[in-house]
């Protein structure tokens, strides 16, 4: 005869396993929380805007456009083997965004990665200081985790994000060298005689 204590223990084990499984699922599998950036928005420097071309030795040229609080843009790595795009919302001097980066020439699951990130807009002290943005980004739901991204504003440069990336060669790097207007027209070939016997007179 099984004791009452043993019977209660047998019944409680499956129940405990169910509760544990539900907790893990609620935490996103594994219970790991997304890494968020610990930054608070502050005021933008006088006359500053996110719109512009920003250069980073690691991440290359970042072209940003702004409409109200919405910011979007694209970047191209210095080696021109990767390009990315982002879109986000600016609050004061902090821009939080989602991003995707494409690797040129790759296909499948390793062709692109994505995640979240942030930038903080800052103006160094001094009369001739050049504005810069600095922040980080991570994969998936993480806002941090990848190498720091610091970029300097390129003075008097107009951003053109649409010239970066794309699905074919004429879009990569912003050139139109492969477009129809730049192709030489082929020389027309003379009409060929149909195969067969020589025509009789």
N, C-alpha and C. Protein backbone atom coordinates (compact mmCIF):
# COMPACT_ATOMS: atom_id res chain seq x y z
N UNK A 1 0.85 -1.19 0.00
CA UNK A 1 0.00 0.00 0.00
C UNK A 1 0.89 1.25 0.00
N UNK A 2 0.64 2.12 -1.00
CA UNK A 2 1.47 3.32 -1.14
C UNK A 2 1.02 4.35 -0.11
N UNK A 3 1.99 4.97 0.57
CA UNK A 3 1.65 5.96 1.59
C UNK A 3 1.11 7.22 0.93
N UNK A 4 0.34 7.98 1.72
CA UNK A 4 -0.24 9.23 1.21
C UNK A 4 0.85 10.21 0.81
N UNK A 5 1.94 10.26 1.57
CA UNK A 5 3.01 11.21 1.30
C UNK A 5 3.66 10.91 -0.05
N UNK A 6 3.85 9.60 -0.32
CA UNK A 6 4.48 9.20 -1.57
C UNK A 6 3.56 9.48 -2.75
N UNK A 7 2.27 9.28 -2.57
CA UNK A 7 1.31 9.52 -3.64
C UNK A 7 1.25 11.01 -3.98
N UNK A 8 1.28 11.88 -2.98
CA UNK A 8 1.27 13.33 -3.21
C UNK A 8 2.52 13.75 -3.98
N UNK A 9 3.67 13.16 -3.63
CA UNK A 9 4.93 13.48 -4.30
C UNK A 9 4.88 13.07 -5.77
N UNK A 10 4.30 11.89 -6.04
CA UNK A 10 4.19 11.41 -7.42
C UNK A 10 3.30 12.34 -8.24
N UNK A 11 2.25 12.86 -7.64
CA UNK A 11 1.34 13.75 -8.36
C UNK A 11 1.91 15.15 -8.56
N UNK A 12 2.75 15.61 -7.63
CA UNK A 12 3.27 16.97 -7.70
C UNK A 12 4.40 17.14 -8.71
N UNK A 13 5.17 16.07 -8.98
CA UNK A 13 6.31 16.18 -9.89
C UNK A 13 5.89 16.63 -11.29
N UNK A 14 4.87 15.96 -11.93
CA UNK A 14 4.46 16.44 -13.25
C UNK A 14 3.94 17.87 -13.24
N UNK A 15 3.25 18.25 -12.17
CA UNK A 15 2.74 19.60 -12.06
C UNK A 15 3.88 20.61 -12.01
N UNK A 16 4.91 20.30 -11.26
CA UNK A 16 6.07 21.19 -11.15
C UNK A 16 6.78 21.33 -12.50
N UNK A 17 6.87 20.23 -13.24
CA UNK A 17 7.51 20.28 -14.55
C UNK A 17 6.74 21.17 -15.50
N UNK A 18 5.41 21.11 -15.44
CA UNK A 18 4.58 21.95 -16.31
C UNK A 18 4.77 23.43 -15.99
N UNK A 19 4.81 23.78 -14.71
CA UNK A 19 5.00 25.17 -14.30
C UNK A 19 6.36 25.68 -14.75
N UNK A 20 7.40 24.85 -14.63
CA UNK A 20 8.75 25.22 -15.04
C UNK A 20 8.82 25.47 -16.54
N UNK A 21 8.19 24.59 -17.32
CA UNK A 21 8.20 24.73 -18.77
C UNK A 21 7.49 26.01 -19.19
N UNK A 22 6.40 26.33 -18.53
CA UNK A 22 5.67 27.55 -18.85
C UNK A 22 6.49 28.78 -18.54
N UNK A 23 7.26 28.74 -17.45
CA UNK A 23 8.11 29.87 -17.08
C UNK A 23 9.20 30.09 -18.11
N UNK A 24 9.82 29.03 -18.58
CA UNK A 24 10.88 29.13 -19.58
C UNK A 24 10.33 29.71 -20.88
N UNK A 25 9.15 29.24 -21.28
CA UNK A 25 8.54 29.74 -22.51
C UNK A 25 8.24 31.23 -22.40
N UNK A 26 7.77 31.65 -21.23
CA UNK A 26 7.45 33.06 -21.03
C UNK A 26 8.68 33.93 -21.09
N UNK A 27 9.84 33.39 -20.75
CA UNK A 27 11.08 34.15 -20.77
C UNK A 27 11.76 34.08 -22.13
N UNK A 28 11.12 33.48 -23.11
CA UNK A 28 11.69 33.44 -24.44
C UNK A 28 12.60 32.27 -24.66
N UNK A 29 12.48 31.21 -23.90
CA UNK A 29 13.30 30.04 -24.11
C UNK A 29 14.68 30.25 -23.54
N UNK A 30 14.96 29.63 -22.42
CA UNK A 30 16.26 29.81 -21.80
C UNK A 30 16.25 30.90 -20.75
N UNK A 31 15.23 31.73 -20.75
CA UNK A 31 15.10 32.74 -19.71
C UNK A 31 16.01 33.95 -19.86
N UNK A 32 16.73 34.10 -20.99
CA UNK A 32 17.63 35.23 -21.15
C UNK A 32 16.86 36.48 -21.57
N UNK A 33 17.11 37.57 -20.89
CA UNK A 33 16.46 38.83 -21.24
C UNK A 33 17.29 39.57 -22.28
N UNK A 34 16.61 40.33 -23.13
CA UNK A 34 17.31 41.13 -24.14
C UNK A 34 18.19 42.17 -23.46
N UNK A 35 19.36 42.42 -24.05
CA UNK A 35 20.28 43.42 -23.51
C UNK A 35 19.88 44.79 -24.02
N UNK A 36 19.48 45.65 -23.10
CA UNK A 36 19.04 47.00 -23.45
C UNK A 36 20.12 48.01 -23.10
N UNK A 37 20.18 49.08 -23.88
CA UNK A 37 21.15 50.15 -23.62
C UNK A 37 20.66 51.02 -22.47
N UNK A 38 21.56 51.34 -21.57
CA UNK A 38 21.21 52.18 -20.41
C UNK A 38 21.52 53.64 -20.76
N UNK A 39 20.66 54.24 -21.58
CA UNK A 39 20.85 55.64 -21.99
C UNK A 39 19.55 56.41 -21.80
N UNK A 40 19.69 57.67 -21.42
CA UNK A 40 18.53 58.54 -21.23
C UNK A 40 18.64 59.71 -22.22
N UNK A 41 17.53 60.06 -22.90
CA UNK A 41 17.58 61.17 -23.85
C UNK A 41 17.88 62.50 -23.16
N UNK A 42 18.65 63.32 -23.85
CA UNK A 42 18.93 64.68 -23.41
C UNK A 42 18.64 65.62 -24.57
N UNK A 43 18.90 66.90 -24.40
CA UNK A 43 18.62 67.85 -25.49
C UNK A 43 19.61 67.70 -26.63
N UNK A 44 19.14 67.95 -27.85
CA UNK A 44 20.02 67.98 -29.00
C UNK A 44 20.85 69.27 -28.96
N UNK A 45 22.08 69.23 -29.49
CA UNK A 45 22.85 70.48 -29.62
C UNK A 45 22.12 71.48 -30.50
N UNK A 46 22.39 72.75 -30.32
CA UNK A 46 21.70 73.80 -31.04
C UNK A 46 21.89 73.63 -32.55
N UNK A 47 20.77 73.61 -33.29
CA UNK A 47 20.79 73.52 -34.74
C UNK A 47 21.12 72.14 -35.29
N UNK A 48 21.24 71.14 -34.42
CA UNK A 48 21.65 69.81 -34.87
C UNK A 48 20.47 69.03 -35.45
N UNK A 49 20.78 68.14 -36.35
CA UNK A 49 19.80 67.22 -36.93
C UNK A 49 20.51 65.91 -37.22
N UNK A 50 19.74 64.83 -37.24
CA UNK A 50 20.31 63.51 -37.56
C UNK A 50 20.64 63.38 -39.04
N UNK A 51 20.01 64.22 -39.85
CA UNK A 51 20.23 64.14 -41.29
C UNK A 51 21.68 64.46 -41.64
N UNK A 52 22.28 63.60 -42.45
CA UNK A 52 23.65 63.84 -42.87
C UNK A 52 24.35 62.55 -43.25
N UNK A 53 25.61 62.68 -43.62
CA UNK A 53 26.47 61.52 -43.87
C UNK A 53 27.48 61.45 -42.73
N UNK A 54 27.58 60.28 -42.14
CA UNK A 54 28.43 60.07 -40.98
C UNK A 54 29.46 58.99 -41.32
N UNK A 55 30.72 59.23 -40.94
CA UNK A 55 31.77 58.27 -41.30
C UNK A 55 32.37 57.60 -40.07
N UNK A 56 32.51 56.27 -40.17
CA UNK A 56 33.16 55.45 -39.16
C UNK A 56 34.21 54.59 -39.85
N UNK A 57 35.44 54.52 -39.33
CA UNK A 57 36.45 53.65 -39.95
C UNK A 57 36.03 52.18 -40.00
N UNK A 58 35.20 51.74 -39.05
CA UNK A 58 34.77 50.35 -39.01
C UNK A 58 33.53 50.10 -39.85
N UNK A 59 32.53 50.97 -39.73
CA UNK A 59 31.24 50.73 -40.38
C UNK A 59 31.06 51.51 -41.68
N UNK A 60 31.96 52.41 -41.99
CA UNK A 60 31.89 53.11 -43.26
C UNK A 60 31.00 54.33 -43.23
N UNK A 61 30.34 54.59 -44.38
CA UNK A 61 29.54 55.79 -44.58
C UNK A 61 28.07 55.49 -44.29
N UNK A 62 27.52 56.23 -43.34
CA UNK A 62 26.13 56.08 -42.94
C UNK A 62 25.35 57.30 -43.42
N UNK A 63 24.37 57.08 -44.30
CA UNK A 63 23.53 58.16 -44.81
C UNK A 63 22.22 58.14 -44.04
N UNK A 64 21.91 59.25 -43.35
CA UNK A 64 20.68 59.32 -42.56
C UNK A 64 19.77 60.43 -43.06
N UNK A 65 18.46 60.13 -43.09
CA UNK A 65 17.43 61.11 -43.37
C UNK A 65 16.49 61.18 -42.18
N UNK A 66 15.90 62.35 -41.95
CA UNK A 66 15.01 62.53 -40.82
C UNK A 66 13.73 63.22 -41.26
N UNK A 67 12.60 62.71 -40.76
CA UNK A 67 11.30 63.33 -40.98
C UNK A 67 10.57 63.32 -39.65
N UNK A 68 10.52 64.49 -39.00
CA UNK A 68 9.98 64.53 -37.65
C UNK A 68 10.87 63.75 -36.70
N UNK A 69 10.28 62.83 -35.97
CA UNK A 69 11.07 62.00 -35.06
C UNK A 69 11.54 60.71 -35.73
N UNK A 70 11.12 60.48 -36.96
CA UNK A 70 11.48 59.24 -37.66
C UNK A 70 12.78 59.42 -38.45
N UNK A 71 13.68 58.46 -38.27
CA UNK A 71 14.98 58.50 -38.93
C UNK A 71 15.19 57.19 -39.66
N UNK A 72 15.67 57.27 -40.88
CA UNK A 72 16.00 56.07 -41.64
C UNK A 72 17.30 56.30 -42.38
N UNK A 73 17.97 55.21 -42.73
CA UNK A 73 19.22 55.38 -43.46
C UNK A 73 19.83 54.06 -43.87
N UNK A 74 20.96 54.19 -44.58
CA UNK A 74 21.73 53.03 -45.02
C UNK A 74 23.21 53.32 -44.86
N UNK A 75 23.98 52.26 -44.73
CA UNK A 75 25.43 52.41 -44.66
C UNK A 75 26.11 51.36 -45.53
N UNK A 76 27.36 51.66 -45.87
CA UNK A 76 28.18 50.73 -46.64
C UNK A 76 29.54 50.63 -45.98
N UNK A 77 29.99 49.40 -45.75
CA UNK A 77 31.29 49.18 -45.11
C UNK A 77 32.42 49.68 -46.02
N UNK A 78 33.56 50.05 -45.44
CA UNK A 78 34.68 50.53 -46.26
C UNK A 78 35.15 49.54 -47.31
N UNK A 79 35.06 48.24 -47.04
CA UNK A 79 35.49 47.24 -48.02
C UNK A 79 34.42 46.96 -49.06
N UNK A 80 33.24 47.57 -48.90
CA UNK A 80 32.12 47.43 -49.83
C UNK A 80 31.61 45.99 -49.97
N UNK A 81 31.86 45.17 -48.95
CA UNK A 81 31.36 43.80 -48.97
C UNK A 81 30.09 43.63 -48.16
N UNK A 82 29.70 44.67 -47.42
CA UNK A 82 28.48 44.63 -46.63
C UNK A 82 27.81 45.99 -46.68
N UNK A 83 26.47 45.96 -46.65
CA UNK A 83 25.72 47.20 -46.54
C UNK A 83 24.51 46.94 -45.66
N UNK A 84 24.05 47.99 -45.01
CA UNK A 84 22.94 47.81 -44.08
C UNK A 84 21.94 48.94 -44.16
N UNK A 85 20.83 48.72 -43.49
CA UNK A 85 19.76 49.73 -43.43
C UNK A 85 19.17 49.75 -42.04
N UNK A 86 18.74 50.94 -41.63
CA UNK A 86 18.14 51.08 -40.30
C UNK A 86 16.96 52.03 -40.39
N UNK A 87 16.08 51.91 -39.40
CA UNK A 87 14.99 52.86 -39.22
C UNK A 87 14.68 52.91 -37.74
N UNK A 88 14.36 54.11 -37.26
CA UNK A 88 14.12 54.23 -35.83
C UNK A 88 13.46 55.54 -35.48
N UNK A 89 13.38 55.77 -34.17
CA UNK A 89 12.71 56.96 -33.63
C UNK A 89 13.69 57.71 -32.75
N UNK A 90 13.79 59.02 -32.99
CA UNK A 90 14.67 59.88 -32.21
C UNK A 90 13.87 60.54 -31.09
N UNK A 91 14.48 60.55 -29.92
CA UNK A 91 13.92 61.27 -28.77
C UNK A 91 15.06 62.08 -28.17
N UNK A 92 14.99 63.39 -28.36
CA UNK A 92 16.11 64.22 -27.92
C UNK A 92 17.37 63.82 -28.68
N UNK A 93 18.45 63.60 -27.95
CA UNK A 93 19.72 63.25 -28.60
C UNK A 93 19.97 61.74 -28.66
N UNK A 94 18.91 60.95 -28.50
CA UNK A 94 19.03 59.49 -28.58
C UNK A 94 18.17 58.97 -29.72
N UNK A 95 18.78 58.15 -30.55
CA UNK A 95 18.08 57.48 -31.64
C UNK A 95 18.11 55.98 -31.37
N UNK A 96 16.93 55.38 -31.24
CA UNK A 96 16.83 53.93 -31.10
C UNK A 96 16.28 53.37 -32.42
N UNK A 97 16.90 52.30 -32.90
CA UNK A 97 16.57 51.84 -34.24
C UNK A 97 16.61 50.32 -34.34
N UNK A 98 16.05 49.82 -35.44
CA UNK A 98 16.19 48.42 -35.85
C UNK A 98 17.05 48.41 -37.10
N UNK A 99 17.84 47.36 -37.28
CA UNK A 99 18.79 47.33 -38.40
C UNK A 99 18.85 45.95 -39.05
N UNK A 100 19.29 45.96 -40.31
CA UNK A 100 19.59 44.73 -41.06
C UNK A 100 20.87 45.01 -41.84
N UNK A 101 21.80 44.05 -41.83
CA UNK A 101 23.01 44.19 -42.63
C UNK A 101 23.12 43.01 -43.59
N UNK A 102 23.40 43.32 -44.85
CA UNK A 102 23.49 42.32 -45.92
C UNK A 102 24.96 42.10 -46.28
N UNK A 103 25.31 40.85 -46.53
CA UNK A 103 26.65 40.52 -47.01
C UNK A 103 26.56 40.21 -48.50
N UNK A 104 27.29 40.96 -49.28
CA UNK A 104 27.23 40.84 -50.74
C UNK A 104 27.86 39.52 -51.17
N UNK A 105 27.15 38.79 -52.01
CA UNK A 105 27.66 37.53 -52.53
C UNK A 105 27.25 36.31 -51.73
N UNK A 106 26.64 36.50 -50.57
CA UNK A 106 26.18 35.36 -49.77
C UNK A 106 24.70 35.13 -49.96
N UNK A 107 24.29 33.88 -49.78
CA UNK A 107 22.87 33.53 -49.85
C UNK A 107 22.51 32.70 -48.63
N UNK A 108 21.22 32.58 -48.38
CA UNK A 108 20.76 31.75 -47.27
C UNK A 108 20.78 32.50 -45.95
N UNK A 109 20.85 31.72 -44.87
CA UNK A 109 20.70 32.31 -43.53
C UNK A 109 21.87 33.21 -43.14
N UNK A 110 23.01 33.07 -43.79
CA UNK A 110 24.16 33.89 -43.46
C UNK A 110 24.27 35.13 -44.34
N UNK A 111 23.27 35.36 -45.18
CA UNK A 111 23.32 36.51 -46.10
C UNK A 111 23.01 37.82 -45.39
N UNK A 112 22.24 37.77 -44.31
CA UNK A 112 21.93 39.01 -43.59
C UNK A 112 21.67 38.73 -42.12
N UNK A 113 21.95 39.73 -41.32
CA UNK A 113 21.71 39.70 -39.88
C UNK A 113 20.95 40.96 -39.50
N UNK A 114 20.29 40.91 -38.35
CA UNK A 114 19.55 42.08 -37.91
C UNK A 114 19.45 42.15 -36.40
N UNK A 115 18.98 43.29 -35.94
CA UNK A 115 18.81 43.48 -34.51
C UNK A 115 18.35 44.89 -34.19
N UNK A 116 18.77 45.36 -33.03
CA UNK A 116 18.40 46.69 -32.57
C UNK A 116 19.67 47.45 -32.16
N UNK A 117 19.53 48.76 -32.00
CA UNK A 117 20.68 49.55 -31.61
C UNK A 117 20.28 50.95 -31.20
N UNK A 118 21.27 51.76 -30.89
CA UNK A 118 21.02 53.14 -30.48
C UNK A 118 22.23 54.01 -30.83
N UNK A 119 21.98 55.29 -31.00
CA UNK A 119 23.02 56.30 -31.14
C UNK A 119 22.73 57.43 -30.17
N UNK A 120 23.78 58.05 -29.66
CA UNK A 120 23.67 59.28 -28.88
C UNK A 120 24.37 60.38 -29.68
N UNK A 121 23.66 61.48 -29.92
CA UNK A 121 24.21 62.60 -30.66
C UNK A 121 24.98 63.48 -29.68
N UNK A 122 26.20 63.86 -30.06
CA UNK A 122 26.96 64.72 -29.17
C UNK A 122 27.82 65.70 -29.97
N UNK A 123 28.06 66.84 -29.34
CA UNK A 123 28.91 67.87 -29.94
C UNK A 123 30.07 68.14 -28.99
N UNK A 124 31.30 67.81 -29.40
CA UNK A 124 32.45 68.04 -28.54
C UNK A 124 32.61 69.54 -28.24
N UNK A 125 33.27 69.87 -27.15
CA UNK A 125 33.49 71.29 -26.84
C UNK A 125 34.45 71.94 -27.84
N UNK A 126 34.35 73.25 -27.97
CA UNK A 126 35.22 73.98 -28.89
C UNK A 126 34.43 74.68 -29.97
N UNK A 127 35.03 75.73 -30.53
CA UNK A 127 34.34 76.54 -31.54
C UNK A 127 34.17 75.80 -32.86
N UNK A 128 35.14 75.01 -33.25
CA UNK A 128 35.10 74.33 -34.54
C UNK A 128 34.88 72.83 -34.39
N UNK A 129 34.19 72.45 -33.33
CA UNK A 129 33.95 71.02 -33.09
C UNK A 129 33.03 70.44 -34.14
N UNK A 130 33.31 69.20 -34.52
CA UNK A 130 32.48 68.49 -35.51
C UNK A 130 31.58 67.51 -34.77
N UNK A 131 30.30 67.56 -35.07
CA UNK A 131 29.33 66.68 -34.40
C UNK A 131 29.64 65.22 -34.68
N UNK A 132 29.25 64.37 -33.72
CA UNK A 132 29.45 62.94 -33.88
C UNK A 132 28.30 62.19 -33.23
N UNK A 133 28.13 60.94 -33.64
CA UNK A 133 27.17 60.06 -33.01
C UNK A 133 27.93 58.84 -32.51
N UNK A 134 27.51 58.33 -31.37
CA UNK A 134 28.18 57.17 -30.79
C UNK A 134 27.14 56.27 -30.15
N UNK A 135 27.33 54.97 -30.31
CA UNK A 135 26.38 54.04 -29.72
C UNK A 135 26.81 52.61 -29.94
N UNK A 136 25.84 51.74 -29.93
CA UNK A 136 26.10 50.32 -30.06
C UNK A 136 24.88 49.67 -30.69
N UNK A 137 25.01 48.41 -31.03
CA UNK A 137 23.89 47.64 -31.55
C UNK A 137 24.13 46.17 -31.27
N UNK A 138 23.07 45.40 -31.31
CA UNK A 138 23.16 43.97 -31.03
C UNK A 138 22.26 43.20 -31.96
N UNK A 139 22.38 41.89 -31.92
CA UNK A 139 21.56 41.04 -32.79
C UNK A 139 20.27 40.63 -32.09
N UNK A 140 19.27 40.35 -32.90
CA UNK A 140 17.99 39.93 -32.34
C UNK A 140 17.34 41.07 -31.57
N UNK A 141 16.97 40.80 -30.34
CA UNK A 141 16.33 41.81 -29.50
C UNK A 141 17.33 42.64 -28.71
N UNK A 142 18.61 42.32 -28.83
CA UNK A 142 19.64 43.05 -28.08
C UNK A 142 19.93 44.40 -28.72
N UNK A 143 20.14 45.42 -27.88
CA UNK A 143 20.54 46.75 -28.35
C UNK A 143 22.05 46.95 -28.28
N UNK A 144 22.73 46.06 -27.61
CA UNK A 144 24.18 46.16 -27.43
C UNK A 144 24.81 44.79 -27.67
N UNK A 145 26.15 44.78 -27.76
CA UNK A 145 26.83 43.50 -27.88
C UNK A 145 27.84 43.45 -29.01
N UNK A 146 27.66 44.26 -30.05
CA UNK A 146 28.59 44.30 -31.16
C UNK A 146 29.58 45.45 -30.94
N UNK A 147 30.65 45.53 -31.74
CA UNK A 147 31.63 46.62 -31.54
C UNK A 147 30.98 48.00 -31.57
N UNK A 148 31.49 48.90 -30.73
CA UNK A 148 30.95 50.25 -30.62
C UNK A 148 30.97 50.95 -31.97
N UNK A 149 29.95 51.76 -32.21
CA UNK A 149 29.80 52.47 -33.48
C UNK A 149 29.87 53.97 -33.19
N UNK A 150 30.99 54.59 -33.57
CA UNK A 150 31.17 56.03 -33.45
C UNK A 150 31.43 56.59 -34.84
N UNK A 151 30.71 57.64 -35.22
CA UNK A 151 30.84 58.20 -36.56
C UNK A 151 30.84 59.72 -36.48
N UNK A 152 31.56 60.34 -37.42
CA UNK A 152 31.73 61.79 -37.45
C UNK A 152 30.97 62.36 -38.64
N UNK A 153 30.30 63.49 -38.40
CA UNK A 153 29.52 64.14 -39.46
C UNK A 153 30.44 64.67 -40.55
N UNK A 154 30.05 64.40 -41.80
CA UNK A 154 30.78 64.93 -42.96
C UNK A 154 30.16 66.27 -43.36
N UNK A 155 30.93 67.34 -43.19
CA UNK A 155 30.40 68.69 -43.36
C UNK A 155 29.96 68.93 -44.81
N UNK A 156 28.78 69.53 -44.95
CA UNK A 156 28.23 69.94 -46.25
C UNK A 156 28.02 68.79 -47.23
N UNK A 157 27.89 67.57 -46.72
CA UNK A 157 27.61 66.42 -47.59
C UNK A 157 26.12 66.08 -47.49
N UNK A 158 25.49 65.86 -48.64
CA UNK A 158 24.05 65.56 -48.69
C UNK A 158 23.85 64.05 -48.72
N UNK A 159 23.05 63.51 -47.80
CA UNK A 159 22.84 62.05 -47.77
C UNK A 159 21.96 61.56 -48.91
N UNK A 160 22.32 60.41 -49.45
CA UNK A 160 21.52 59.74 -50.48
C UNK A 160 21.49 58.24 -50.17
N UNK A 161 20.67 57.83 -49.20
CA UNK A 161 20.64 56.41 -48.82
C UNK A 161 20.23 55.49 -49.96
N UNK A 162 19.45 56.01 -50.90
CA UNK A 162 18.97 55.16 -51.98
C UNK A 162 20.10 54.72 -52.91
N UNK A 163 21.27 55.34 -52.81
CA UNK A 163 22.39 54.95 -53.66
C UNK A 163 23.18 53.78 -53.08
N UNK A 164 22.79 53.31 -51.92
CA UNK A 164 23.51 52.21 -51.26
C UNK A 164 22.67 50.95 -51.30
N UNK A 165 23.31 49.82 -51.59
CA UNK A 165 22.64 48.53 -51.53
C UNK A 165 21.80 48.26 -52.75
N UNK A 166 20.90 47.30 -52.61
CA UNK A 166 20.05 46.90 -53.71
C UNK A 166 20.26 45.44 -54.03
N UNK A 167 19.54 44.97 -55.02
CA UNK A 167 19.56 43.54 -55.33
C UNK A 167 20.39 43.21 -56.55
N UNK A 168 20.86 44.24 -57.28
CA UNK A 168 21.67 43.93 -58.44
C UNK A 168 22.90 44.83 -58.49
N UNK A 169 23.79 44.55 -59.44
CA UNK A 169 25.08 45.22 -59.46
C UNK A 169 24.98 46.72 -59.65
N UNK A 170 23.98 47.19 -60.40
CA UNK A 170 23.95 48.61 -60.68
C UNK A 170 23.60 49.42 -59.44
N UNK A 171 23.05 48.80 -58.41
CA UNK A 171 22.71 49.53 -57.19
C UNK A 171 23.84 49.52 -56.17
N UNK A 172 24.73 48.57 -56.22
CA UNK A 172 25.75 48.43 -55.19
C UNK A 172 26.71 49.61 -55.25
N UNK A 173 26.86 50.29 -54.13
CA UNK A 173 27.79 51.41 -54.07
C UNK A 173 27.25 52.69 -54.68
N UNK A 174 26.02 52.66 -55.15
CA UNK A 174 25.40 53.89 -55.65
C UNK A 174 25.70 54.19 -57.10
N UNK A 175 26.46 53.37 -57.80
CA UNK A 175 26.78 53.66 -59.19
C UNK A 175 25.70 53.21 -60.14
N UNK A 176 25.72 53.79 -61.33
CA UNK A 176 24.79 53.34 -62.37
C UNK A 176 25.57 52.91 -63.59
N UNK A 177 26.81 52.42 -63.36
CA UNK A 177 27.69 52.04 -64.47
C UNK A 177 27.10 50.93 -65.32
N UNK A 178 26.14 50.17 -64.75
CA UNK A 178 25.57 49.04 -65.49
C UNK A 178 24.20 49.38 -66.07
N UNK A 179 23.80 50.64 -65.95
CA UNK A 179 22.46 50.98 -66.43
C UNK A 179 22.46 51.09 -67.95
N UNK A 180 21.26 51.06 -68.52
CA UNK A 180 21.15 51.03 -69.98
C UNK A 180 21.69 52.30 -70.63
N UNK A 181 21.61 53.46 -69.93
CA UNK A 181 22.07 54.70 -70.54
C UNK A 181 23.59 54.72 -70.70
N UNK A 182 24.32 53.88 -69.93
CA UNK A 182 25.77 53.87 -70.01
C UNK A 182 26.31 52.71 -70.84
N UNK A 183 25.46 51.88 -71.38
CA UNK A 183 25.93 50.77 -72.19
C UNK A 183 26.10 51.22 -73.64
N UNK A 184 27.17 50.75 -74.28
CA UNK A 184 27.36 51.06 -75.68
C UNK A 184 26.39 50.22 -76.51
N UNK A 185 25.82 50.86 -77.53
CA UNK A 185 24.90 50.14 -78.40
C UNK A 185 25.70 49.19 -79.28
N UNK A 186 25.30 47.93 -79.38
CA UNK A 186 26.05 46.99 -80.20
C UNK A 186 25.91 47.32 -81.68
N UNK A 187 26.99 47.03 -82.44
CA UNK A 187 26.95 47.23 -83.88
C UNK A 187 25.94 46.25 -84.49
N UNK A 188 25.04 46.73 -85.36
CA UNK A 188 24.08 45.79 -85.98
C UNK A 188 24.80 44.85 -86.92
N UNK A 189 24.42 43.59 -86.88
CA UNK A 189 25.03 42.60 -87.77
C UNK A 189 24.29 42.60 -89.11
N UNK A 190 25.05 42.36 -90.21
CA UNK A 190 24.38 42.31 -91.52
C UNK A 190 23.46 41.10 -91.60
N UNK A 191 22.36 41.19 -92.36
CA UNK A 191 21.44 40.04 -92.45
C UNK A 191 22.14 38.85 -93.10
N UNK A 192 21.91 37.67 -92.56
CA UNK A 192 22.55 36.46 -93.08
C UNK A 192 21.62 35.77 -94.07
N UNK A 193 22.24 35.12 -95.07
CA UNK A 193 21.46 34.35 -96.04
C UNK A 193 20.91 33.10 -95.36
N UNK A 194 19.68 32.71 -95.66
CA UNK A 194 19.15 31.48 -95.06
C UNK A 194 19.94 30.28 -95.56
N UNK A 195 20.11 29.27 -94.73
CA UNK A 195 20.87 28.10 -95.16
C UNK A 195 20.15 27.38 -96.30
N UNK A 196 20.93 26.73 -97.17
CA UNK A 196 20.34 25.98 -98.29
C UNK A 196 21.15 26.17 -99.55
N UNK A 197 20.53 25.87 -100.68
CA UNK A 197 21.22 25.99 -101.97
C UNK A 197 21.31 27.44 -102.40
N UNK A 198 22.28 27.71 -103.27
CA UNK A 198 22.43 29.03 -103.83
C UNK A 198 21.17 29.35 -104.67
N UNK A 199 20.68 30.56 -104.56
CA UNK A 199 19.49 30.88 -105.36
C UNK A 199 19.80 30.86 -106.87
N UNK A 200 18.87 30.37 -107.65
CA UNK A 200 19.06 30.32 -109.10
C UNK A 200 18.51 31.55 -109.77
N UNK A 201 19.07 31.93 -110.92
CA UNK A 201 18.60 33.11 -111.66
C UNK A 201 17.48 32.73 -112.61
